[in-house]
Amino acid sequence: MAPKHSPCDPGGGGGDTRLTRKRRKNDDELVALDDGGGRGDQHRKPPPEKNIERVVFGGYEIQCWYYSPYRLKKKSVERLYVCENCLLYTDDVQMYACHLAKDCERASPPGVLIYEEGDVQIYEVFGALQKFYCQRLCLLAKLFIDHKTLCFDVENFIFYLLCEKDKDGAHIAAMFSKEMHSSNNLACIMTLPCYQRKGYGNLLIQLSYEMSKRAKYPGTPERPFSDLGEISYKKYWLYVLLEFFDSAVMRKVEDVTVDDLEALVGINKDDIKDTMEPIGLLSHLKGGTYIVHNPKLDQENGVERPNPPLRRLDAKNLVWSAKSFDRPKRRN
C-alpha cells in the first residue's frame, strides 16, 4: 500500500517524510549494506555502531541489537516508531500516533495468505510487487541480524511473514526471505525478540523445506550462518534424519547412501554429511560413495535426540505451489 500524502506520514525522521519522486529515486539507487565482500570473506569490516536504542512495534517496545541504515535526520535515536501494518517509520511519537489514528488502513501484510493454523498465518510477499514494503521489512530485520547483508534490491526476493492473528489483525512475529531462481531455500531468517521461544523460527525452517520438496530439489539455506542459526539448523537436520530412521520402512535398513537419503528427506547431501559425521554415523566407501548408518541398529553410537519442535507444520494447510518461485503474480 502506498503511503498517503499526509503530514502524519511516518517514513524517515521528523519533518515531511513522504515518499516523494526524489525520495523514491534515492531509494531505487540504494545498494547493499557493505559486509566487507563476498560470502566467506574473513576480513569483513566491523558493523557500524547501533543507531537505534529501542523500536516501538505494535504493542511492544523492543531493545534493538544492531545497526540498521534507516533514513533518519539524526545519527542515533532513543526510540523509533514503526507501524506494524505498513512498516512506515518515524522518531516522532505524535506523527506515529496520527498515522495509526488516521492514515494506516492495513491490518495484515500485503501479498498472499499461504498458510493458516490456529492463530498463526504466513504470507508470501514478492519484493518485485511490494518493493517499498519489503525494503522497510529488511530495515526492521536488520535491527536484530548482525551477519547478513541488508539488501535494498529486493525485487529478486520473496518474503515469508509469519503473523499472530487476533481480533485486531495480523501481527508480524517472524520472517524469512528466499532469493528467486536460487538453489538455496532460505536466505535470511529472523524472529522478533518479543515472539521468541514460541517455535516460530523452526516452523519457518520446516516451511522452507516443505517448499523445497514441492519444488523437487534438496533444500539448503544460504551461508554464512550466525552461531545461533548453525545450532538451529543442525538440530533441525538431526531431528528430521532420526525421525526418518524411526519410520517403519527404515527400522530394519542397516545403511543408506547419502544420495538416496537426500532424495528421501529433501535435505542437501552436504548438510546430511555435516550432521551425521560428527556423531559417527557416516562412512566413506571406495568410489566416493557416502553411507549413513541406521542409528537404531548402530549399537556403538548413543545419539542424543534433539527435542521435538514446539510447532509442527501441517502440510495440508499450506496452499502453495512451486510456480511461485518462477514469477510473481499480483494478488493482494
C-alpha atoms as a PDB file:
ATOM      1  CA  MET A   1       0.000   0.000   0.000  1.00  0.00           C
ATOM      2  CA  ALA A   2       1.458   3.344  -0.960  1.00  0.00           C
ATOM      3  CA  PRO A   3       1.639   5.799   1.908  1.00  0.00           C
ATOM      4  CA  LYS A   4      -0.939   8.573   1.888  1.00  0.00           C
ATOM      5  CA  HIS A   5       0.238  12.101   1.291  1.00  0.00           C
ATOM      6  CA  SER A   6      -0.487  13.495   4.732  1.00  0.00           C
ATOM      7  CA  PRO A   7       1.576  15.380   7.281  1.00  0.00           C
ATOM      8  CA  CYS A   8       1.021  12.383   9.566  1.00  0.00           C
ATOM      9  CA  ASP A   9       3.009  10.043   7.306  1.00  0.00           C
ATOM     10  CA  PRO A  10       5.954   8.491   9.157  1.00  0.00           C
ATOM     11  CA  GLY A  11       8.697   7.485   6.784  1.00  0.00           C
ATOM     12  CA  GLY A  12      12.119   8.725   7.689  1.00  0.00           C
ATOM     13  CA  GLY A  13      12.740  11.104  10.635  1.00  0.00           C
ATOM     14  CA  GLY A  14      10.968  14.258  11.586  1.00  0.00           C
ATOM     15  CA  GLY A  15       9.600  16.745   9.081  1.00  0.00           C
ATOM     16  CA  ASP A  16       7.961  15.892   5.783  1.00  0.00           C
ATOM     17  CA  THR A  17       8.792  12.222   5.232  1.00  0.00           C
ATOM     18  CA  ARG A  18       6.551  11.363   2.306  1.00  0.00           C
ATOM     19  CA  LEU A  19       7.812   9.100  -0.455  1.00  0.00           C
ATOM     20  CA  THR A  20       8.264  11.867  -2.998  1.00  0.00           C
ATOM     21  CA  ARG A  21       9.583  11.211  -6.505  1.00  0.00           C
ATOM     22  CA  LYS A  22      13.036  12.345  -5.410  1.00  0.00           C
ATOM     23  CA  ARG A  23      12.888  10.100  -2.354  1.00  0.00           C
ATOM     24  CA  ARG A  24      11.776   7.131  -4.452  1.00  0.00           C
ATOM     25  CA  LYS A  25      14.647   7.771  -6.860  1.00  0.00           C
ATOM     26  CA  ASN A  26      17.083   7.755  -3.956  1.00  0.00           C
ATOM     27  CA  ASP A  27      15.595   4.515  -2.657  1.00  0.00           C
ATOM     28  CA  ASP A  28      15.957   2.994  -6.121  1.00  0.00           C
ATOM     29  CA  GLU A  29      19.659   3.763  -6.021  1.00  0.00           C
ATOM     30  CA  LEU A  30      20.276   2.170  -2.621  1.00  0.00           C
ATOM     31  CA  VAL A  31      22.691  -0.746  -2.686  1.00  0.00           C
ATOM     32  CA  ALA A  32      23.520  -3.494  -0.234  1.00  0.00           C
ATOM     33  CA  LEU A  33      24.938  -2.590   3.128  1.00  0.00           C
ATOM     34  CA  ASP A  34      28.640  -3.404   2.789  1.00  0.00           C
ATOM     35  CA  ASP A  35      29.537  -6.575   4.637  1.00  0.00           C
ATOM     36  CA  GLY A  36      33.165  -6.486   3.567  1.00  0.00           C
ATOM     37  CA  GLY A  37      32.961  -8.551   0.425  1.00  0.00           C
ATOM     38  CA  GLY A  38      31.574 -11.818  -0.830  1.00  0.00           C
ATOM     39  CA  ARG A  39      30.445 -14.786   1.193  1.00  0.00           C
ATOM     40  CA  GLY A  40      33.132 -16.374   3.266  1.00  0.00           C
ATOM     41  CA  ASP A  41      35.249 -13.205   3.437  1.00  0.00           C
ATOM     42  CA  GLN A  42      37.353 -13.452   6.592  1.00  0.00           C
ATOM     43  CA  HIS A  43      38.153  -9.719   6.606  1.00  0.00           C
ATOM     44  CA  ARG A  44      34.722  -8.188   6.980  1.00  0.00           C
ATOM     45  CA  LYS A  45      34.502  -4.615   8.151  1.00  0.00           C
ATOM     46  CA  PRO A  46      33.165  -4.252  11.688  1.00  0.00           C
ATOM     47  CA  PRO A  47      29.482  -3.265  11.678  1.00  0.00           C
ATOM     48  CA  PRO A  48      28.621   0.378  12.414  1.00  0.00           C
ATOM     49  CA  GLU A  49      27.608   1.309  15.941  1.00  0.00           C
ATOM     50  CA  LYS A  50      23.986   0.734  16.863  1.00  0.00           C
ATOM     51  CA  ASN A  51      21.984   3.818  15.886  1.00  0.00           C
ATOM     52  CA  ILE A  52      18.576   2.989  17.369  1.00  0.00           C
ATOM     53  CA  GLU A  53      18.199   2.092  21.031  1.00  0.00           C
ATOM     54  CA  ARG A  54      14.627   0.809  21.026  1.00  0.00           C
ATOM     55  CA  VAL A  55      11.897   0.233  18.468  1.00  0.00           C
ATOM     56  CA  VAL A  56       8.190   0.577  19.209  1.00  0.00           C
ATOM     57  CA  PHE A  57       6.408  -2.027  17.100  1.00  0.00           C
ATOM     58  CA  GLY A  58       2.773  -2.895  17.661  1.00  0.00           C
ATOM     59  CA  GLY A  59       2.217  -3.327  21.378  1.00  0.00           C
ATOM     60  CA  TYR A  60       5.905  -3.849  22.141  1.00  0.00           C
ATOM     61  CA  GLU A  61       8.911  -1.670  22.862  1.00  0.00           C
ATOM     62  CA  ILE A  62      11.914  -3.777  21.850  1.00  0.00           C
ATOM     63  CA  GLN A  63      15.592  -3.281  22.644  1.00  0.00           C
ATOM     64  CA  CYS A  64      17.496  -3.201  19.332  1.00  0.00           C
ATOM     65  CA  TRP A  65      20.615  -5.309  18.855  1.00  0.00           C
ATOM     66  CA  TYR A  66      22.394  -3.916  15.801  1.00  0.00           C
ATOM     67  CA  TYR A  67      22.768  -1.001  13.413  1.00  0.00           C
ATOM     68  CA  SER A  68      20.222  -0.596  10.633  1.00  0.00           C
ATOM     69  CA  PRO A  69      20.528   2.070   7.895  1.00  0.00           C
ATOM     70  CA  TYR A  70      17.165   3.740   8.427  1.00  0.00           C
ATOM     71  CA  ARG A  71      16.953   7.171   6.791  1.00  0.00           C
ATOM     72  CA  LEU A  72      16.902   9.430   9.838  1.00  0.00           C
ATOM     73  CA  LYS A  73      17.855  13.069  10.309  1.00  0.00           C
ATOM     74  CA  LYS A  74      19.750  12.225  13.496  1.00  0.00           C
ATOM     75  CA  LYS A  75      22.723   9.870  13.668  1.00  0.00           C
ATOM     76  CA  SER A  76      21.072   8.000  16.511  1.00  0.00           C
ATOM     77  CA  VAL A  77      17.660   7.963  18.174  1.00  0.00           C
ATOM     78  CA  GLU A  78      16.426   6.699  21.505  1.00  0.00           C
ATOM     79  CA  ARG A  79      13.135   5.407  20.126  1.00  0.00           C
ATOM     80  CA  LEU A  80      11.970   4.569  16.603  1.00  0.00           C
ATOM     81  CA  TYR A  81       8.254   4.065  15.961  1.00  0.00           C
ATOM     82  CA  VAL A  82       7.403   1.533  13.258  1.00  0.00           C
ATOM     83  CA  CYS A  83       3.847   0.859  12.121  1.00  0.00           C
ATOM     84  CA  GLU A  84       3.389  -2.909  12.330  1.00  0.00           C
ATOM     85  CA  ASN A  85       0.868  -2.820   9.488  1.00  0.00           C
ATOM     86  CA  CYS A  86       2.632  -0.879   6.713  1.00  0.00           C
ATOM     87  CA  LEU A  87       6.130  -0.614   8.316  1.00  0.00           C
ATOM     88  CA  LEU A  88       6.397   3.154   7.795  1.00  0.00           C
ATOM     89  CA  TYR A  89       8.593   4.676  10.485  1.00  0.00           C
ATOM     90  CA  THR A  90       9.351   7.897  12.364  1.00  0.00           C
ATOM     91  CA  ASP A  91      11.117   9.056  15.512  1.00  0.00           C
ATOM     92  CA  ASP A  92       8.257  11.475  16.254  1.00  0.00           C
ATOM     93  CA  VAL A  93       5.652   9.963  18.582  1.00  0.00           C
ATOM     94  CA  GLN A  94       2.961  12.479  17.554  1.00  0.00           C
ATOM     95  CA  MET A  95       3.371  11.655  13.876  1.00  0.00           C
ATOM     96  CA  TYR A  96       3.239   7.962  14.769  1.00  0.00           C
ATOM     97  CA  ALA A  97       0.003   8.383  16.734  1.00  0.00           C
ATOM     98  CA  CYS A  98      -1.502  10.449  13.919  1.00  0.00           C
ATOM     99  CA  HIS A  99      -0.606   7.789  11.361  1.00  0.00           C
ATOM    100  CA  LEU A 100      -2.180   4.999  13.416  1.00  0.00           C
ATOM    101  CA  ALA A 101      -5.325   7.026  14.078  1.00  0.00           C
ATOM    102  CA  LYS A 102      -5.968   8.439  10.609  1.00  0.00           C
ATOM    103  CA  ASP A 103      -3.776   7.107   7.834  1.00  0.00           C
ATOM    104  CA  CYS A 104      -2.967   3.408   8.020  1.00  0.00           C
ATOM    105  CA  GLU A 105      -5.718   1.186   6.674  1.00  0.00           C
ATOM    106  CA  ARG A 106      -3.776  -2.060   6.502  1.00  0.00           C
ATOM    107  CA  ALA A 107      -4.465  -4.807   9.071  1.00  0.00           C
ATOM    108  CA  SER A 108      -2.286  -7.537   7.560  1.00  0.00           C
ATOM    109  CA  PRO A 109       0.768  -7.818   5.302  1.00  0.00           C
ATOM    110  CA  PRO A 110       0.365  -7.407   1.542  1.00  0.00           C
ATOM    111  CA  GLY A 111       0.686 -10.495  -0.593  1.00  0.00           C
ATOM    112  CA  VAL A 112      -0.945 -13.920  -0.416  1.00  0.00           C
ATOM    113  CA  LEU A 113      -2.012 -15.860   2.670  1.00  0.00           C
ATOM    114  CA  ILE A 114      -0.476 -19.306   2.062  1.00  0.00           C
ATOM    115  CA  TYR A 115      -0.740 -20.963   5.486  1.00  0.00           C
ATOM    116  CA  GLU A 116      -3.133 -20.728   8.404  1.00  0.00           C
ATOM    117  CA  GLU A 117      -3.395 -22.864  11.511  1.00  0.00           C
ATOM    118  CA  GLY A 118      -4.887 -21.646  14.766  1.00  0.00           C
ATOM    119  CA  ASP A 119      -3.618 -18.147  15.465  1.00  0.00           C
ATOM    120  CA  VAL A 120      -0.699 -18.464  13.014  1.00  0.00           C
ATOM    121  CA  GLN A 121      -0.798 -17.061   9.485  1.00  0.00           C
ATOM    122  CA  ILE A 122       2.003 -16.995   6.903  1.00  0.00           C
ATOM    123  CA  TYR A 123       2.004 -14.565   3.974  1.00  0.00           C
ATOM    124  CA  GLU A 124       4.046 -14.704   0.770  1.00  0.00           C
ATOM    125  CA  VAL A 125       5.173 -11.245  -0.370  1.00  0.00           C
ATOM    126  CA  PHE A 126       7.126 -10.603  -3.578  1.00  0.00           C
ATOM    127  CA  GLY A 127       9.744  -7.883  -3.433  1.00  0.00           C
ATOM    128  CA  ALA A 128       9.064  -7.099  -7.095  1.00  0.00           C
ATOM    129  CA  LEU A 129       5.432  -6.252  -6.293  1.00  0.00           C
ATOM    130  CA  GLN A 130       5.829  -4.666  -2.853  1.00  0.00           C
ATOM    131  CA  LYS A 131       9.237  -3.031  -3.149  1.00  0.00           C
ATOM    132  CA  PHE A 132       8.985  -0.300  -0.518  1.00  0.00           C
ATOM    133  CA  TYR A 133       7.195  -2.523   1.990  1.00  0.00           C
ATOM    134  CA  CYS A 134       9.906  -5.176   1.632  1.00  0.00           C
ATOM    135  CA  GLN A 135      12.692  -2.601   1.918  1.00  0.00           C
ATOM    136  CA  ARG A 136      11.194  -1.430   5.191  1.00  0.00           C
ATOM    137  CA  LEU A 137      10.885  -5.053   6.292  1.00  0.00           C
ATOM    138  CA  CYS A 138      14.613  -5.516   5.671  1.00  0.00           C
ATOM    139  CA  LEU A 139      15.382  -2.399   7.707  1.00  0.00           C
ATOM    140  CA  LEU A 140      13.378  -3.770  10.622  1.00  0.00           C
ATOM    141  CA  ALA A 141      15.005  -7.204  10.390  1.00  0.00           C
ATOM    142  CA  LYS A 142      18.490  -5.687  10.309  1.00  0.00           C
ATOM    143  CA  LEU A 143      17.954  -4.311  13.825  1.00  0.00           C
ATOM    144  CA  PHE A 144      18.197  -7.929  15.016  1.00  0.00           C
ATOM    145  CA  ILE A 145      20.556  -9.525  12.457  1.00  0.00           C
ATOM    146  CA  ASP A 146      24.276  -8.866  12.572  1.00  0.00           C
ATOM    147  CA  HIS A 147      25.796 -11.124   9.950  1.00  0.00           C
ATOM    148  CA  LYS A 148      23.609 -10.607   6.883  1.00  0.00           C
ATOM    149  CA  THR A 149      23.940  -8.056   4.109  1.00  0.00           C
ATOM    150  CA  LEU A 150      20.924  -5.790   4.092  1.00  0.00           C
ATOM    151  CA  CYS A 151      19.755  -5.693   0.503  1.00  0.00           C
ATOM    152  CA  PHE A 152      17.530  -2.886  -0.755  1.00  0.00           C
ATOM    153  CA  ASP A 153      17.483  -4.516  -4.167  1.00  0.00           C
ATOM    154  CA  VAL A 154      14.527  -6.643  -3.064  1.00  0.00           C
ATOM    155  CA  GLU A 155      12.981  -7.356  -6.476  1.00  0.00           C
ATOM    156  CA  ASN A 156      14.690 -10.754  -6.715  1.00  0.00           C
ATOM    157  CA  PHE A 157      13.497 -11.932  -3.301  1.00  0.00           C
ATOM    158  CA  ILE A 158      10.347 -13.481  -1.884  1.00  0.00           C
ATOM    159  CA  PHE A 159       9.491 -12.802   1.741  1.00  0.00           C
ATOM    160  CA  TYR A 160       7.532 -15.115   4.023  1.00  0.00           C
ATOM    161  CA  LEU A 161       5.975 -13.377   7.024  1.00  0.00           C
ATOM    162  CA  LEU A 162       4.683 -15.343   9.997  1.00  0.00           C
ATOM    163  CA  CYS A 163       1.990 -13.469  11.900  1.00  0.00           C
ATOM    164  CA  GLU A 164       0.000 -13.985  15.073  1.00  0.00           C
ATOM    165  CA  LYS A 165      -3.647 -13.288  14.340  1.00  0.00           C
ATOM    166  CA  ASP A 166      -6.140 -11.801  16.800  1.00  0.00           C
ATOM    167  CA  LYS A 167      -9.215  -9.569  16.702  1.00  0.00           C
ATOM    168  CA  ASP A 168      -7.054  -6.550  15.825  1.00  0.00           C
ATOM    169  CA  GLY A 169      -5.395  -8.115  12.770  1.00  0.00           C
ATOM    170  CA  ALA A 170      -2.202  -9.971  11.882  1.00  0.00           C
ATOM    171  CA  HIS A 171       0.928  -9.095  13.873  1.00  0.00           C
ATOM    172  CA  ILE A 172       4.342  -9.816  12.308  1.00  0.00           C
ATOM    173  CA  ALA A 173       6.319 -12.173  14.565  1.00  0.00           C
ATOM    174  CA  ALA A 174       8.951 -13.728  12.293  1.00  0.00           C
ATOM    175  CA  MET A 175      10.058 -13.823   8.669  1.00  0.00           C
ATOM    176  CA  PHE A 176      12.417 -15.370   6.175  1.00  0.00           C
ATOM    177  CA  SER A 177      13.480 -14.411   2.684  1.00  0.00           C
ATOM    178  CA  LYS A 178      14.324 -16.533  -0.334  1.00  0.00           C
ATOM    179  CA  GLU A 179      16.159 -15.448  -3.447  1.00  0.00           C
ATOM    180  CA  MET A 180      14.267 -16.329  -6.613  1.00  0.00           C
ATOM    181  CA  HIS A 181      15.910 -18.785  -9.039  1.00  0.00           C
ATOM    182  CA  SER A 182      18.362 -19.862  -6.315  1.00  0.00           C
ATOM    183  CA  SER A 183      19.073 -23.390  -5.108  1.00  0.00           C
ATOM    184  CA  ASN A 184      19.039 -22.045  -1.542  1.00  0.00           C
ATOM    185  CA  ASN A 185      15.650 -22.442   0.092  1.00  0.00           C
ATOM    186  CA  LEU A 186      16.274 -19.652   2.609  1.00  0.00           C
ATOM    187  CA  ALA A 187      18.404 -16.507   2.528  1.00  0.00           C
ATOM    188  CA  CYS A 188      17.737 -14.841   5.870  1.00  0.00           C
ATOM    189  CA  ILE A 189      15.557 -15.649   8.888  1.00  0.00           C
ATOM    190  CA  MET A 190      14.545 -13.537  11.874  1.00  0.00           C
ATOM    191  CA  THR A 191      12.162 -13.828  14.818  1.00  0.00           C
ATOM    192  CA  LEU A 192      11.399 -10.632  16.696  1.00  0.00           C
ATOM    193  CA  PRO A 193      12.675 -10.888  20.302  1.00  0.00           C
ATOM    194  CA  CYS A 194       9.184 -10.418  21.756  1.00  0.00           C
ATOM    195  CA  TYR A 195       7.984 -13.516  19.865  1.00  0.00           C
ATOM    196  CA  GLN A 196      10.932 -15.819  20.521  1.00  0.00           C
ATOM    197  CA  ARG A 197      10.679 -19.173  22.355  1.00  0.00           C
ATOM    198  CA  LYS A 198       7.399 -19.927  20.608  1.00  0.00           C
ATOM    199  CA  GLY A 199       8.797 -22.224  17.917  1.00  0.00           C
ATOM    200  CA  TYR A 200       8.252 -19.768  15.070  1.00  0.00           C
ATOM    201  CA  GLY A 201      11.803 -19.911  13.688  1.00  0.00           C
ATOM    202  CA  ASN A 202      11.709 -23.703  13.477  1.00  0.00           C
ATOM    203  CA  LEU A 203       8.255 -23.561  11.901  1.00  0.00           C
ATOM    204  CA  LEU A 204       9.610 -21.307   9.144  1.00  0.00           C
ATOM    205  CA  ILE A 205      12.536 -23.679   8.578  1.00  0.00           C
ATOM    206  CA  GLN A 206      10.017 -26.517   8.207  1.00  0.00           C
ATOM    207  CA  LEU A 207       8.109 -24.383   5.707  1.00  0.00           C
ATOM    208  CA  SER A 208      11.233 -23.736   3.624  1.00  0.00           C
ATOM    209  CA  TYR A 209      11.888 -27.483   3.351  1.00  0.00           C
ATOM    210  CA  GLU A 210       8.276 -28.308   2.530  1.00  0.00           C
ATOM    211  CA  MET A 211       8.549 -25.808  -0.324  1.00  0.00           C
ATOM    212  CA  SER A 212      11.777 -27.465  -1.488  1.00  0.00           C
ATOM    213  CA  LYS A 213      10.005 -30.824  -1.573  1.00  0.00           C
ATOM    214  CA  ARG A 214       7.195 -29.416  -3.694  1.00  0.00           C
ATOM    215  CA  ALA A 215       9.741 -27.757  -5.984  1.00  0.00           C
ATOM    216  CA  LYS A 216      11.534 -31.131  -6.205  1.00  0.00           C
ATOM    217  CA  TYR A 217      15.015 -30.066  -5.179  1.00  0.00           C
ATOM    218  CA  PRO A 218      17.007 -30.697  -1.978  1.00  0.00           C
ATOM    219  CA  GLY A 219      16.929 -27.648   0.229  1.00  0.00           C
ATOM    220  CA  THR A 220      19.790 -25.839   1.920  1.00  0.00           C
ATOM    221  CA  PRO A 221      19.997 -22.375   3.485  1.00  0.00           C
ATOM    222  CA  GLU A 222      22.308 -19.618   2.338  1.00  0.00           C
ATOM    223  CA  ARG A 223      25.647 -19.287   4.111  1.00  0.00           C
ATOM    224  CA  PRO A 224      27.289 -17.977   6.212  1.00  0.00           C
ATOM    225  CA  PHE A 225      25.317 -18.921   9.322  1.00  0.00           C
ATOM    226  CA  SER A 226      25.113 -16.975  12.513  1.00  0.00           C
ATOM    227  CA  ASP A 227      26.166 -19.010  15.540  1.00  0.00           C
ATOM    228  CA  LEU A 228      22.546 -19.449  16.597  1.00  0.00           C
ATOM    229  CA  GLY A 229      21.498 -20.205  13.032  1.00  0.00           C
ATOM    230  CA  GLU A 230      24.024 -23.019  12.727  1.00  0.00           C
ATOM    231  CA  ILE A 231      22.865 -24.562  16.009  1.00  0.00           C
ATOM    232  CA  SER A 232      19.206 -24.310  14.978  1.00  0.00           C
ATOM    233  CA  TYR A 233      19.775 -25.930  11.594  1.00  0.00           C
ATOM    234  CA  LYS A 234      21.924 -28.778  12.902  1.00  0.00           C
ATOM    235  CA  LYS A 235      19.274 -29.601  15.491  1.00  0.00           C
ATOM    236  CA  TYR A 236      16.604 -29.497  12.783  1.00  0.00           C
ATOM    237  CA  TRP A 237      18.559 -31.733  10.398  1.00  0.00           C
ATOM    238  CA  LEU A 238      19.371 -34.263  13.120  1.00  0.00           C
ATOM    239  CA  TYR A 239      15.761 -34.401  14.277  1.00  0.00           C
ATOM    240  CA  VAL A 240      14.450 -34.938  10.729  1.00  0.00           C
ATOM    241  CA  LEU A 241      17.037 -37.628   9.960  1.00  0.00           C
ATOM    242  CA  LEU A 242      16.454 -39.548  13.201  1.00  0.00           C
ATOM    243  CA  GLU A 243      12.692 -39.295  12.722  1.00  0.00           C
ATOM    244  CA  PHE A 244      13.120 -40.701   9.215  1.00  0.00           C
ATOM    245  CA  PHE A 245      15.056 -43.701  10.544  1.00  0.00           C
ATOM    246  CA  ASP A 246      12.239 -44.246  13.059  1.00  0.00           C
ATOM    247  CA  SER A 247       9.773 -44.848  10.229  1.00  0.00           C
ATOM    248  CA  ALA A 248       8.534 -48.404   9.743  1.00  0.00           C
ATOM    249  CA  VAL A 249      10.202 -48.683   6.329  1.00  0.00           C
ATOM    250  CA  MET A 250      13.651 -47.812   7.684  1.00  0.00           C
ATOM    251  CA  ARG A 251      13.733 -49.619  11.027  1.00  0.00           C
ATOM    252  CA  LYS A 252      15.464 -52.697   9.647  1.00  0.00           C
ATOM    253  CA  VAL A 253      17.553 -50.994   6.963  1.00  0.00           C
ATOM    254  CA  GLU A 254      21.178 -51.100   8.052  1.00  0.00           C
ATOM    255  CA  ASP A 255      22.655 -48.404   5.800  1.00  0.00           C
ATOM    256  CA  VAL A 256      21.504 -45.896   3.194  1.00  0.00           C
ATOM    257  CA  THR A 257      23.578 -43.825   0.796  1.00  0.00           C
ATOM    258  CA  VAL A 258      23.693 -40.081   1.296  1.00  0.00           C
ATOM    259  CA  ASP A 259      22.393 -39.576  -2.253  1.00  0.00           C
ATOM    260  CA  ASP A 260      19.340 -41.745  -1.536  1.00  0.00           C
ATOM    261  CA  LEU A 261      18.790 -40.050   1.811  1.00  0.00           C
ATOM    262  CA  GLU A 262      18.917 -36.633   0.135  1.00  0.00           C
ATOM    263  CA  ALA A 263      16.129 -37.684  -2.246  1.00  0.00           C
ATOM    264  CA  LEU A 264      14.037 -39.205   0.547  1.00  0.00           C
ATOM    265  CA  VAL A 265      14.129 -36.400   3.140  1.00  0.00           C
ATOM    266  CA  GLY A 266      14.801 -33.355   0.931  1.00  0.00           C
ATOM    267  CA  ILE A 267      17.906 -32.194   2.831  1.00  0.00           C
ATOM    268  CA  ASN A 268      21.023 -31.339   0.829  1.00  0.00           C
ATOM    269  CA  LYS A 269      23.581 -34.165   0.973  1.00  0.00           C
ATOM    270  CA  ASP A 270      26.360 -31.898   2.240  1.00  0.00           C
ATOM    271  CA  ASP A 271      24.155 -30.935   5.177  1.00  0.00           C
ATOM    272  CA  ILE A 272      23.423 -34.619   5.819  1.00  0.00           C
ATOM    273  CA  LYS A 273      27.147 -35.374   5.899  1.00  0.00           C
ATOM    274  CA  ASP A 274      27.865 -32.429   8.198  1.00  0.00           C
ATOM    275  CA  THR A 275      25.153 -33.653  10.568  1.00  0.00           C
ATOM    276  CA  MET A 276      25.920 -37.377  10.677  1.00  0.00           C
ATOM    277  CA  GLU A 277      29.718 -37.385  10.549  1.00  0.00           C
ATOM    278  CA  PRO A 278      30.325 -35.773  13.990  1.00  0.00           C
ATOM    279  CA  ILE A 279      28.174 -38.440  15.672  1.00  0.00           C
ATOM    280  CA  GLY A 280      29.935 -41.324  13.931  1.00  0.00           C
ATOM    281  CA  LEU A 281      27.119 -42.367  11.605  1.00  0.00           C
ATOM    282  CA  LEU A 282      28.791 -41.540   8.272  1.00  0.00           C
ATOM    283  CA  SER A 283      31.206 -43.746   6.330  1.00  0.00           C
ATOM    284  CA  HIS A 284      33.096 -43.044   3.118  1.00  0.00           C
ATOM    285  CA  LEU A 285      33.328 -46.036   0.795  1.00  0.00           C
ATOM    286  CA  LYS A 286      35.668 -46.587  -2.106  1.00  0.00           C
ATOM    287  CA  GLY A 287      34.473 -44.880  -5.257  1.00  0.00           C
ATOM    288  CA  GLY A 288      33.345 -41.763  -3.422  1.00  0.00           C
ATOM    289  CA  THR A 289      30.075 -43.107  -2.005  1.00  0.00           C
ATOM    290  CA  TYR A 290      28.974 -41.939   1.428  1.00  0.00           C
ATOM    291  CA  ILE A 291      26.630 -44.056   3.533  1.00  0.00           C
ATOM    292  CA  VAL A 292      24.721 -43.253   6.704  1.00  0.00           C
ATOM    293  CA  HIS A 293      24.330 -45.977   9.325  1.00  0.00           C
ATOM    294  CA  ASN A 294      20.948 -46.524  10.910  1.00  0.00           C
ATOM    295  CA  PRO A 295      21.270 -45.125  14.453  1.00  0.00           C
ATOM    296  CA  LYS A 296      18.714 -47.696  15.644  1.00  0.00           C
ATOM    297  CA  LEU A 297      20.995 -50.559  14.581  1.00  0.00           C
ATOM    298  CA  ASP A 298      24.340 -48.939  15.413  1.00  0.00           C
ATOM    299  CA  GLN A 299      24.990 -50.070  18.971  1.00  0.00           C
ATOM    300  CA  GLU A 300      28.278 -48.184  19.323  1.00  0.00           C
ATOM    301  CA  ASN A 301      26.771 -44.724  18.906  1.00  0.00           C
ATOM    302  CA  GLY A 302      24.404 -43.390  21.509  1.00  0.00           C
ATOM    303  CA  VAL A 303      22.803 -40.455  19.692  1.00  0.00           C
ATOM    304  CA  GLU A 304      21.227 -37.727  21.794  1.00  0.00           C
ATOM    305  CA  ARG A 305      17.925 -36.853  20.176  1.00  0.00           C
ATOM    306  CA  PRO A 306      17.019 -33.155  19.893  1.00  0.00           C
ATOM    307  CA  ASN A 307      13.779 -32.010  21.482  1.00  0.00           C
ATOM    308  CA  PRO A 308      10.797 -32.150  19.111  1.00  0.00           C
ATOM    309  CA  PRO A 309       9.741 -28.817  17.611  1.00  0.00           C
ATOM    310  CA  LEU A 310       7.250 -26.754  19.603  1.00  0.00           C
ATOM    311  CA  ARG A 311       5.177 -26.394  16.438  1.00  0.00           C
ATOM    312  CA  ARG A 312       4.770 -28.799  13.546  1.00  0.00           C
ATOM    313  CA  LEU A 313       3.957 -27.592  10.063  1.00  0.00           C
ATOM    314  CA  ASP A 314       0.769 -29.203   8.783  1.00  0.00           C
ATOM    315  CA  ALA A 315       1.450 -29.513   5.052  1.00  0.00           C
ATOM    316  CA  LYS A 316      -2.286 -29.887   4.385  1.00  0.00           C
ATOM    317  CA  ASN A 317      -2.753 -26.270   5.442  1.00  0.00           C
ATOM    318  CA  LEU A 318      -0.126 -24.954   3.018  1.00  0.00           C
ATOM    319  CA  VAL A 319      -1.822 -23.554  -0.100  1.00  0.00           C
ATOM    320  CA  TRP A 320       1.221 -23.095  -2.304  1.00  0.00           C
ATOM    321  CA  SER A 321       2.854 -24.451  -5.454  1.00  0.00           C
ATOM    322  CA  ALA A 322       6.416 -24.257  -6.727  1.00  0.00           C
ATOM    323  CA  LYS A 323       5.241 -21.982  -9.547  1.00  0.00           C
ATOM    324  CA  SER A 324       5.573 -19.133  -7.044  1.00  0.00           C
ATOM    325  CA  PHE A 325       9.340 -19.435  -7.393  1.00  0.00           C
ATOM    326  CA  ASP A 326       9.116 -18.689 -11.127  1.00  0.00           C
ATOM    327  CA  ARG A 327       7.466 -15.290 -11.263  1.00  0.00           C
ATOM    328  CA  PRO A 328       5.285 -13.143  -9.012  1.00  0.00           C
ATOM    329  CA  LYS A 329       1.576 -12.791  -9.533  1.00  0.00           C
ATOM    330  CA  ARG A 330      -0.232  -9.697  -8.366  1.00  0.00           C
ATOM    331  CA  ARG A 331      -2.626 -10.996  -5.758  1.00  0.00           C
ATOM    332  CA  ASN A 332      -3.361  -8.942  -2.680  1.00  0.00           C
END
